[in-house]
Amino acid sequence: SCHGKDLVIDPTLEEERCQDGGFMISFMPSRNEVTQLTITGEWSTAKVAE
């Protein structure tokens, strides 16, 4: 979750309510690949790369 200038992993309910954007990624270890990527809100290229 993006909260102002901070990236938050596993945000609290309060942090989720006031987030600027969300980033959800699913990874399948047996295939060593990302299986889903969902980005919501406004994210700069630098934030996504972080």
PDB file of N, CA and C in Angstrom:
ATOM      1  N   SER A   1       0.848  -1.171   0.000  1.00  0.00           N
ATOM      2  CA  SER A   1       0.000   0.000   0.000  1.00  0.00           C
ATOM      3  C   SER A   1       0.894   1.234   0.000  1.00  0.00           C
ATOM      4  N   CYS A   2       0.463   2.248  -0.675  1.00  0.00           N
ATOM      5  CA  CYS A   2       1.197   3.508  -0.713  1.00  0.00           C
ATOM      6  C   CYS A   2       0.456   4.504   0.160  1.00  0.00           C
ATOM      7  N   HIS A   3       1.148   5.013   1.157  1.00  0.00           N
ATOM      8  CA  HIS A   3       0.546   5.950   2.107  1.00  0.00           C
ATOM      9  C   HIS A   3       1.439   7.180   2.152  1.00  0.00           C
ATOM     10  N   GLY A   4       1.093   8.203   1.362  1.00  0.00           N
ATOM     11  CA  GLY A   4       1.966   9.375   1.245  1.00  0.00           C
ATOM     12  C   GLY A   4       3.260   8.982   0.560  1.00  0.00           C
ATOM     13  N   LYS A   5       4.392   9.194   1.235  1.00  0.00           N
ATOM     14  CA  LYS A   5       5.695   8.829   0.673  1.00  0.00           C
ATOM     15  C   LYS A   5       6.148   7.449   1.120  1.00  0.00           C
ATOM     16  N   ASP A   6       5.360   6.778   1.970  1.00  0.00           N
ATOM     17  CA  ASP A   6       5.757   5.488   2.536  1.00  0.00           C
ATOM     18  C   ASP A   6       5.106   4.318   1.811  1.00  0.00           C
ATOM     19  N   LEU A   7       5.860   3.240   1.663  1.00  0.00           N
ATOM     20  CA  LEU A   7       5.313   1.975   1.193  1.00  0.00           C
ATOM     21  C   LEU A   7       5.080   1.110   2.422  1.00  0.00           C
ATOM     22  N   VAL A   8       3.896   0.537   2.539  1.00  0.00           N
ATOM     23  CA  VAL A   8       3.535  -0.239   3.718  1.00  0.00           C
ATOM     24  C   VAL A   8       3.213  -1.665   3.296  1.00  0.00           C
ATOM     25  N   ILE A   9       3.902  -2.626   3.890  1.00  0.00           N
ATOM     26  CA  ILE A   9       3.612  -4.034   3.645  1.00  0.00           C
ATOM     27  C   ILE A   9       2.666  -4.502   4.734  1.00  0.00           C
ATOM     28  N   ASP A  10       1.590  -5.170   4.351  1.00  0.00           N
ATOM     29  CA  ASP A  10       0.567  -5.663   5.268  1.00  0.00           C
ATOM     30  C   ASP A  10      -0.007  -4.517   6.110  1.00  0.00           C
ATOM     31  N   PRO A  11      -0.650  -3.545   5.450  1.00  0.00           N
ATOM     32  CA  PRO A  11      -1.169  -2.377   6.161  1.00  0.00           C
ATOM     33  C   PRO A  11      -2.304  -2.732   7.121  1.00  0.00           C
ATOM     34  N   THR A  12      -2.449  -1.914   8.151  1.00  0.00           N
ATOM     35  CA  THR A  12      -3.570  -2.069   9.078  1.00  0.00           C
ATOM     36  C   THR A  12      -4.838  -1.590   8.368  1.00  0.00           C
ATOM     37  N   LEU A  13      -5.987  -1.854   8.970  1.00  0.00           N
ATOM     38  CA  LEU A  13      -7.249  -1.423   8.383  1.00  0.00           C
ATOM     39  C   LEU A  13      -7.285   0.097   8.237  1.00  0.00           C
ATOM     40  N   GLU A  14      -6.784   0.813   9.228  1.00  0.00           N
ATOM     41  CA  GLU A  14      -6.748   2.282   9.168  1.00  0.00           C
ATOM     42  C   GLU A  14      -5.849   2.767   8.029  1.00  0.00           C
ATOM     43  N   GLU A  15      -4.682   2.124   7.846  1.00  0.00           N
ATOM     44  CA  GLU A  15      -3.772   2.500   6.756  1.00  0.00           C
ATOM     45  C   GLU A  15      -4.410   2.218   5.398  1.00  0.00           C
ATOM     46  N   GLU A  16      -5.158   1.116   5.287  1.00  0.00           N
ATOM     47  CA  GLU A  16      -5.835   0.795   4.033  1.00  0.00           C
ATOM     48  C   GLU A  16      -6.884   1.843   3.682  1.00  0.00           C
ATOM     49  N   ARG A  17      -7.579   2.350   4.684  1.00  0.00           N
ATOM     50  CA  ARG A  17      -8.641   3.335   4.449  1.00  0.00           C
ATOM     51  C   ARG A  17      -8.108   4.639   3.871  1.00  0.00           C
ATOM     52  N   CYS A  18      -6.893   5.022   4.222  1.00  0.00           N
ATOM     53  CA  CYS A  18      -6.370   6.309   3.748  1.00  0.00           C
ATOM     54  C   CYS A  18      -5.185   6.138   2.794  1.00  0.00           C
ATOM     55  N   GLN A  19      -5.075   4.977   2.158  1.00  0.00           N
ATOM     56  CA  GLN A  19      -3.966   4.748   1.236  1.00  0.00           C
ATOM     57  C   GLN A  19      -4.165   5.503  -0.069  1.00  0.00           C
ATOM     58  N   ASP A  20      -3.061   5.830  -0.713  1.00  0.00           N
ATOM     59  CA  ASP A  20      -3.079   6.502  -2.010  1.00  0.00           C
ATOM     60  C   ASP A  20      -3.134   5.497  -3.157  1.00  0.00           C
ATOM     61  N   GLY A  21      -2.704   4.272  -2.905  1.00  0.00           N
ATOM     62  CA  GLY A  21      -2.699   3.251  -3.935  1.00  0.00           C
ATOM     63  C   GLY A  21      -2.414   1.890  -3.344  1.00  0.00           C
ATOM     64  N   GLY A  22      -2.687   0.858  -4.117  1.00  0.00           N
ATOM     65  CA  GLY A  22      -2.442  -0.505  -3.665  1.00  0.00           C
ATOM     66  C   GLY A  22      -1.652  -1.282  -4.704  1.00  0.00           C
ATOM     67  N   PHE A  23      -0.905  -2.259  -4.236  1.00  0.00           N
ATOM     68  CA  PHE A  23      -0.054  -3.076  -5.103  1.00  0.00           C
ATOM     69  C   PHE A  23      -0.146  -4.506  -4.594  1.00  0.00           C
ATOM     70  N   MET A  24      -0.711  -5.407  -5.387  1.00  0.00           N
ATOM     71  CA  MET A  24      -0.863  -6.797  -4.980  1.00  0.00           C
ATOM     72  C   MET A  24      -0.128  -7.670  -5.987  1.00  0.00           C
ATOM     73  N   ILE A  25       0.698  -8.568  -5.461  1.00  0.00           N
ATOM     74  CA  ILE A  25       1.462  -9.462  -6.326  1.00  0.00           C
ATOM     75  C   ILE A  25       1.315 -10.893  -5.820  1.00  0.00           C
ATOM     76  N   SER A  26       1.104 -11.822  -6.753  1.00  0.00           N
ATOM     77  CA  SER A  26       1.030 -13.247  -6.418  1.00  0.00           C
ATOM     78  C   SER A  26       2.190 -13.954  -7.105  1.00  0.00           C
ATOM     79  N   PHE A  27       2.831 -14.842  -6.376  1.00  0.00           N
ATOM     80  CA  PHE A  27       4.007 -15.545  -6.882  1.00  0.00           C
ATOM     81  C   PHE A  27       3.816 -17.043  -6.707  1.00  0.00           C
ATOM     82  N   MET A  28       4.119 -17.824  -7.741  1.00  0.00           N
ATOM     83  CA  MET A  28       4.020 -19.274  -7.684  1.00  0.00           C
ATOM     84  C   MET A  28       5.438 -19.848  -7.591  1.00  0.00           C
ATOM     85  N   PRO A  29       5.865 -20.247  -6.376  1.00  0.00           N
ATOM     86  CA  PRO A  29       7.237 -20.722  -6.185  1.00  0.00           C
ATOM     87  C   PRO A  29       7.595 -21.948  -7.029  1.00  0.00           C
ATOM     88  N   SER A  30       6.654 -22.862  -7.227  1.00  0.00           N
ATOM     89  CA  SER A  30       6.970 -24.076  -7.984  1.00  0.00           C
ATOM     90  C   SER A  30       7.331 -23.769  -9.439  1.00  0.00           C
ATOM     91  N   ARG A  31       6.827 -22.669  -9.965  1.00  0.00           N
ATOM     92  CA  ARG A  31       7.149 -22.260 -11.337  1.00  0.00           C
ATOM     93  C   ARG A  31       8.107 -21.081 -11.374  1.00  0.00           C
ATOM     94  N   ASN A  32       8.410 -20.530 -10.184  1.00  0.00           N
ATOM     95  CA  ASN A  32       9.293 -19.373 -10.063  1.00  0.00           C
ATOM     96  C   ASN A  32       8.828 -18.209 -10.947  1.00  0.00           C
ATOM     97  N   GLU A  33       7.512 -17.914 -10.872  1.00  0.00           N
ATOM     98  CA  GLU A  33       6.990 -16.831 -11.690  1.00  0.00           C
ATOM     99  C   GLU A  33       5.879 -16.056 -10.978  1.00  0.00           C
ATOM    100  N   VAL A  34       5.768 -14.798 -11.362  1.00  0.00           N
ATOM    101  CA  VAL A  34       4.674 -13.960 -10.886  1.00  0.00           C
ATOM    102  C   VAL A  34       3.430 -14.379 -11.659  1.00  0.00           C
ATOM    103  N   THR A  35       2.341 -14.673 -10.932  1.00  0.00           N
ATOM    104  CA  THR A  35       1.122 -15.137 -11.584  1.00  0.00           C
ATOM    105  C   THR A  35       0.042 -14.063 -11.645  1.00  0.00           C
ATOM    106  N   GLN A  36       0.163 -13.030 -10.814  1.00  0.00           N
ATOM    107  CA  GLN A  36      -0.803 -11.934 -10.858  1.00  0.00           C
ATOM    108  C   GLN A  36      -0.149 -10.666 -10.332  1.00  0.00           C
ATOM    109  N   LEU A  37      -0.489  -9.555 -10.950  1.00  0.00           N
ATOM    110  CA  LEU A  37       0.012  -8.253 -10.528  1.00  0.00           C
ATOM    111  C   LEU A  37      -1.122  -7.250 -10.709  1.00  0.00           C
ATOM    112  N   THR A  38      -1.532  -6.620  -9.617  1.00  0.00           N
ATOM    113  CA  THR A  38      -2.610  -5.639  -9.661  1.00  0.00           C
ATOM    114  C   THR A  38      -2.134  -4.360  -8.993  1.00  0.00           C
ATOM    115  N   ILE A  39      -2.207  -3.258  -9.710  1.00  0.00           N
ATOM    116  CA  ILE A  39      -1.794  -1.960  -9.181  1.00  0.00           C
ATOM    117  C   ILE A  39      -2.990  -1.017  -9.280  1.00  0.00           C
ATOM    118  N   THR A  40      -3.333  -0.371  -8.155  1.00  0.00           N
ATOM    119  CA  THR A  40      -4.417   0.604  -8.152  1.00  0.00           C
ATOM    120  C   THR A  40      -3.898   1.929  -7.614  1.00  0.00           C
ATOM    121  N   GLY A  41      -4.525   3.010  -8.020  1.00  0.00           N
ATOM    122  CA  GLY A  41      -4.104   4.330  -7.550  1.00  0.00           C
ATOM    123  C   GLY A  41      -3.032   4.911  -8.450  1.00  0.00           C
ATOM    124  N   GLU A  42      -2.345   5.903  -7.930  1.00  0.00           N
ATOM    125  CA  GLU A  42      -1.298   6.583  -8.692  1.00  0.00           C
ATOM    126  C   GLU A  42       0.067   6.168  -8.167  1.00  0.00           C
ATOM    127  N   TRP A  43       0.881   5.577  -9.045  1.00  0.00           N
ATOM    128  CA  TRP A  43       2.218   5.100  -8.688  1.00  0.00           C
ATOM    129  C   TRP A  43       3.216   5.648  -9.686  1.00  0.00           C
ATOM    130  N   SER A  44       4.310   6.177  -9.192  1.00  0.00           N
ATOM    131  CA  SER A  44       5.389   6.606 -10.080  1.00  0.00           C
ATOM    132  C   SER A  44       6.194   5.373 -10.478  1.00  0.00           C
ATOM    133  N   THR A  45       6.942   5.472 -11.548  1.00  0.00           N
ATOM    134  CA  THR A  45       7.793   4.366 -11.979  1.00  0.00           C
ATOM    135  C   THR A  45       8.785   3.999 -10.883  1.00  0.00           C
ATOM    136  N   ALA A  46       9.308   4.988 -10.184  1.00  0.00           N
ATOM    137  CA  ALA A  46      10.265   4.732  -9.101  1.00  0.00           C
ATOM    138  C   ALA A  46       9.621   3.947  -7.967  1.00  0.00           C
ATOM    139  N   LYS A  47       8.370   4.264  -7.614  1.00  0.00           N
ATOM    140  CA  LYS A  47       7.678   3.548  -6.535  1.00  0.00           C
ATOM    141  C   LYS A  47       7.428   2.095  -6.920  1.00  0.00           C
ATOM    142  N   VAL A  48       7.019   1.854  -8.160  1.00  0.00           N
ATOM    143  CA  VAL A  48       6.774   0.483  -8.611  1.00  0.00           C
ATOM    144  C   VAL A  48       8.073  -0.309  -8.596  1.00  0.00           C
ATOM    145  N   ALA A  49       9.169   0.298  -9.023  1.00  0.00           N
ATOM    146  CA  ALA A  49      10.465  -0.379  -9.047  1.00  0.00           C
ATOM    147  C   ALA A  49      10.976  -0.676  -7.648  1.00  0.00           C
ATOM    148  N   GLU A  50      10.586   0.154  -6.684  1.00  0.00           N
ATOM    149  CA  GLU A  50      11.041  -0.014  -5.303  1.00  0.00           C
ATOM    150  C   GLU A  50      10.501  -1.308  -4.746  1.00  0.00           C
TER     151      GLU A  50
END
